[in-house]
């Protein structure tokens, strides 16, 4: 009876690509301190790893854009893997526009 309790039930768990995309967009928004509606994410299988394409605006009142973008790209990949348990492969970030303090929505 103890062996039956320790083995997981039969079946499988499937996580939709959209779920990974929503998590990635939310993490990127947090890393860049922009509203999540300014971020986009798409994922695809890359040889068993998750390849992630991100796009977002970036704040103009923070650290230099290139440094902030590089940090956000790396941290988003790390956090996405930690939160989902997925193996993260290539992470690409495209900065689409500059968010100025007066344009930044609350």
C-alpha atoms as a PDB file:
ATOM      1  CA  UNK A   1       0.000   0.000   0.000  1.00  0.00           C
ATOM      2  CA  UNK A   2       2.893   2.412   0.674  1.00  0.00           C
ATOM      3  CA  UNK A   3       4.217   1.926  -2.872  1.00  0.00           C
ATOM      4  CA  UNK A   4       0.846   2.944  -4.298  1.00  0.00           C
ATOM      5  CA  UNK A   5       0.849   6.147  -2.254  1.00  0.00           C
ATOM      6  CA  UNK A   6       4.352   7.190  -3.320  1.00  0.00           C
ATOM      7  CA  UNK A   7       3.866   6.772  -7.077  1.00  0.00           C
ATOM      8  CA  UNK A   8       2.197   9.633  -8.950  1.00  0.00           C
ATOM      9  CA  UNK A   9      -1.153   8.990 -10.598  1.00  0.00           C
ATOM     10  CA  UNK A  10      -1.164   8.031 -14.262  1.00  0.00           C
ATOM     11  CA  UNK A  11      -1.623  10.819 -16.786  1.00  0.00           C
ATOM     12  CA  UNK A  12       0.185  13.838 -18.087  1.00  0.00           C
ATOM     13  CA  UNK A  13       0.396  17.566 -17.572  1.00  0.00           C
ATOM     14  CA  UNK A  14       0.431  19.856 -20.585  1.00  0.00           C
ATOM     15  CA  UNK A  15       1.256  23.543 -20.269  1.00  0.00           C
ATOM     16  CA  UNK A  16       0.043  25.622 -23.192  1.00  0.00           C
ATOM     17  CA  UNK A  17       2.477  27.922 -24.966  1.00  0.00           C
ATOM     18  CA  UNK A  18       0.171  30.832 -24.079  1.00  0.00           C
ATOM     19  CA  UNK A  19       0.753  30.181 -20.371  1.00  0.00           C
ATOM     20  CA  UNK A  20       4.529  30.440 -20.827  1.00  0.00           C
ATOM     21  CA  UNK A  21       4.034  33.594 -22.891  1.00  0.00           C
ATOM     22  CA  UNK A  22       1.925  35.254 -20.196  1.00  0.00           C
ATOM     23  CA  UNK A  23       4.482  34.447 -17.509  1.00  0.00           C
ATOM     24  CA  UNK A  24       7.355  35.705 -19.693  1.00  0.00           C
ATOM     25  CA  UNK A  25       5.530  38.967 -20.479  1.00  0.00           C
ATOM     26  CA  UNK A  26       4.752  39.566 -16.804  1.00  0.00           C
ATOM     27  CA  UNK A  27       8.342  38.873 -15.727  1.00  0.00           C
ATOM     28  CA  UNK A  28       9.711  41.154 -18.461  1.00  0.00           C
ATOM     29  CA  UNK A  29       7.343  43.945 -17.394  1.00  0.00           C
ATOM     30  CA  UNK A  30       8.563  43.556 -13.822  1.00  0.00           C
ATOM     31  CA  UNK A  31      12.226  43.581 -14.876  1.00  0.00           C
ATOM     32  CA  UNK A  32      11.790  46.722 -17.001  1.00  0.00           C
ATOM     33  CA  UNK A  33       9.326  48.465 -14.635  1.00  0.00           C
ATOM     34  CA  UNK A  34       6.787  48.975 -17.417  1.00  0.00           C
ATOM     35  CA  UNK A  35       3.109  47.972 -17.540  1.00  0.00           C
ATOM     36  CA  UNK A  36       2.585  44.397 -18.718  1.00  0.00           C
ATOM     37  CA  UNK A  37       0.424  45.672 -21.587  1.00  0.00           C
ATOM     38  CA  UNK A  38       3.616  47.153 -23.108  1.00  0.00           C
ATOM     39  CA  UNK A  39       5.281  43.741 -23.298  1.00  0.00           C
ATOM     40  CA  UNK A  40       4.846  40.840 -25.700  1.00  0.00           C
ATOM     41  CA  UNK A  41       6.246  37.315 -25.616  1.00  0.00           C
ATOM     42  CA  UNK A  42       6.150  34.301 -27.868  1.00  0.00           C
ATOM     43  CA  UNK A  43       7.681  30.882 -27.267  1.00  0.00           C
ATOM     44  CA  UNK A  44       8.614  27.925 -29.428  1.00  0.00           C
ATOM     45  CA  UNK A  45      10.308  24.579 -28.989  1.00  0.00           C
ATOM     46  CA  UNK A  46      14.022  24.649 -29.733  1.00  0.00           C
ATOM     47  CA  UNK A  47      15.277  21.097 -29.413  1.00  0.00           C
ATOM     48  CA  UNK A  48      13.579  20.428 -26.088  1.00  0.00           C
ATOM     49  CA  UNK A  49      14.278  23.876 -24.670  1.00  0.00           C
ATOM     50  CA  UNK A  50      11.973  26.857 -24.743  1.00  0.00           C
ATOM     51  CA  UNK A  51      13.085  29.651 -27.107  1.00  0.00           C
ATOM     52  CA  UNK A  52      11.590  32.984 -26.087  1.00  0.00           C
ATOM     53  CA  UNK A  53      11.071  36.102 -28.209  1.00  0.00           C
ATOM     54  CA  UNK A  54      10.271  39.234 -26.213  1.00  0.00           C
ATOM     55  CA  UNK A  55       9.427  42.812 -27.149  1.00  0.00           C
ATOM     56  CA  UNK A  56       8.785  45.827 -24.980  1.00  0.00           C
ATOM     57  CA  UNK A  57       9.192  49.509 -24.455  1.00  0.00           C
ATOM     58  CA  UNK A  58      11.876  50.573 -21.999  1.00  0.00           C
ATOM     59  CA  UNK A  59      11.992  53.441 -19.528  1.00  0.00           C
ATOM     60  CA  UNK A  60      14.171  56.409 -20.422  1.00  0.00           C
ATOM     61  CA  UNK A  61      14.703  57.477 -16.809  1.00  0.00           C
ATOM     62  CA  UNK A  62      16.636  54.388 -15.697  1.00  0.00           C
ATOM     63  CA  UNK A  63      20.045  52.938 -16.401  1.00  0.00           C
ATOM     64  CA  UNK A  64      21.444  53.094 -19.951  1.00  0.00           C
ATOM     65  CA  UNK A  65      19.073  51.382 -22.382  1.00  0.00           C
ATOM     66  CA  UNK A  66      21.542  48.732 -23.588  1.00  0.00           C
ATOM     67  CA  UNK A  67      22.529  47.733 -20.054  1.00  0.00           C
ATOM     68  CA  UNK A  68      18.925  47.653 -18.818  1.00  0.00           C
ATOM     69  CA  UNK A  69      17.831  45.584 -21.829  1.00  0.00           C
ATOM     70  CA  UNK A  70      20.674  43.082 -21.435  1.00  0.00           C
ATOM     71  CA  UNK A  71      19.929  42.644 -17.746  1.00  0.00           C
ATOM     72  CA  UNK A  72      16.181  42.292 -18.334  1.00  0.00           C
ATOM     73  CA  UNK A  73      16.742  39.680 -21.062  1.00  0.00           C
ATOM     74  CA  UNK A  74      19.000  37.558 -18.860  1.00  0.00           C
ATOM     75  CA  UNK A  75      16.851  37.895 -15.725  1.00  0.00           C
ATOM     76  CA  UNK A  76      13.631  37.156 -17.623  1.00  0.00           C
ATOM     77  CA  UNK A  77      15.098  33.906 -18.923  1.00  0.00           C
ATOM     78  CA  UNK A  78      16.338  32.919 -15.452  1.00  0.00           C
ATOM     79  CA  UNK A  79      13.072  33.755 -13.727  1.00  0.00           C
ATOM     80  CA  UNK A  80      10.928  32.119 -16.416  1.00  0.00           C
ATOM     81  CA  UNK A  81      12.860  28.888 -15.964  1.00  0.00           C
ATOM     82  CA  UNK A  82      12.620  29.087 -12.175  1.00  0.00           C
ATOM     83  CA  UNK A  83       8.889  29.831 -12.194  1.00  0.00           C
ATOM     84  CA  UNK A  84       7.857  27.248 -14.790  1.00  0.00           C
ATOM     85  CA  UNK A  85      10.487  24.539 -14.452  1.00  0.00           C
ATOM     86  CA  UNK A  86      11.072  24.704 -18.209  1.00  0.00           C
ATOM     87  CA  UNK A  87      14.544  24.543 -19.709  1.00  0.00           C
ATOM     88  CA  UNK A  88      15.079  27.948 -21.332  1.00  0.00           C
ATOM     89  CA  UNK A  89      17.185  28.196 -24.465  1.00  0.00           C
ATOM     90  CA  UNK A  90      17.594  31.291 -26.604  1.00  0.00           C
ATOM     91  CA  UNK A  91      16.015  34.494 -25.258  1.00  0.00           C
ATOM     92  CA  UNK A  92      15.718  37.424 -27.650  1.00  0.00           C
ATOM     93  CA  UNK A  93      14.568  40.897 -26.628  1.00  0.00           C
ATOM     94  CA  UNK A  94      13.527  43.619 -29.056  1.00  0.00           C
ATOM     95  CA  UNK A  95      13.139  47.113 -27.606  1.00  0.00           C
ATOM     96  CA  UNK A  96      10.351  48.787 -29.569  1.00  0.00           C
ATOM     97  CA  UNK A  97      10.139  52.240 -28.030  1.00  0.00           C
ATOM     98  CA  UNK A  98      11.270  54.525 -25.243  1.00  0.00           C
ATOM     99  CA  UNK A  99       8.871  55.195 -22.374  1.00  0.00           C
ATOM    100  CA  UNK A 100       9.356  58.689 -20.995  1.00  0.00           C
ATOM    101  CA  UNK A 101       8.233  59.511 -17.438  1.00  0.00           C
ATOM    102  CA  UNK A 102       5.392  61.735 -18.634  1.00  0.00           C
ATOM    103  CA  UNK A 103       4.202  59.016 -21.080  1.00  0.00           C
ATOM    104  CA  UNK A 104       4.457  56.211 -18.551  1.00  0.00           C
ATOM    105  CA  UNK A 105       0.920  55.040 -17.737  1.00  0.00           C
ATOM    106  CA  UNK A 106       0.122  54.475 -14.062  1.00  0.00           C
END
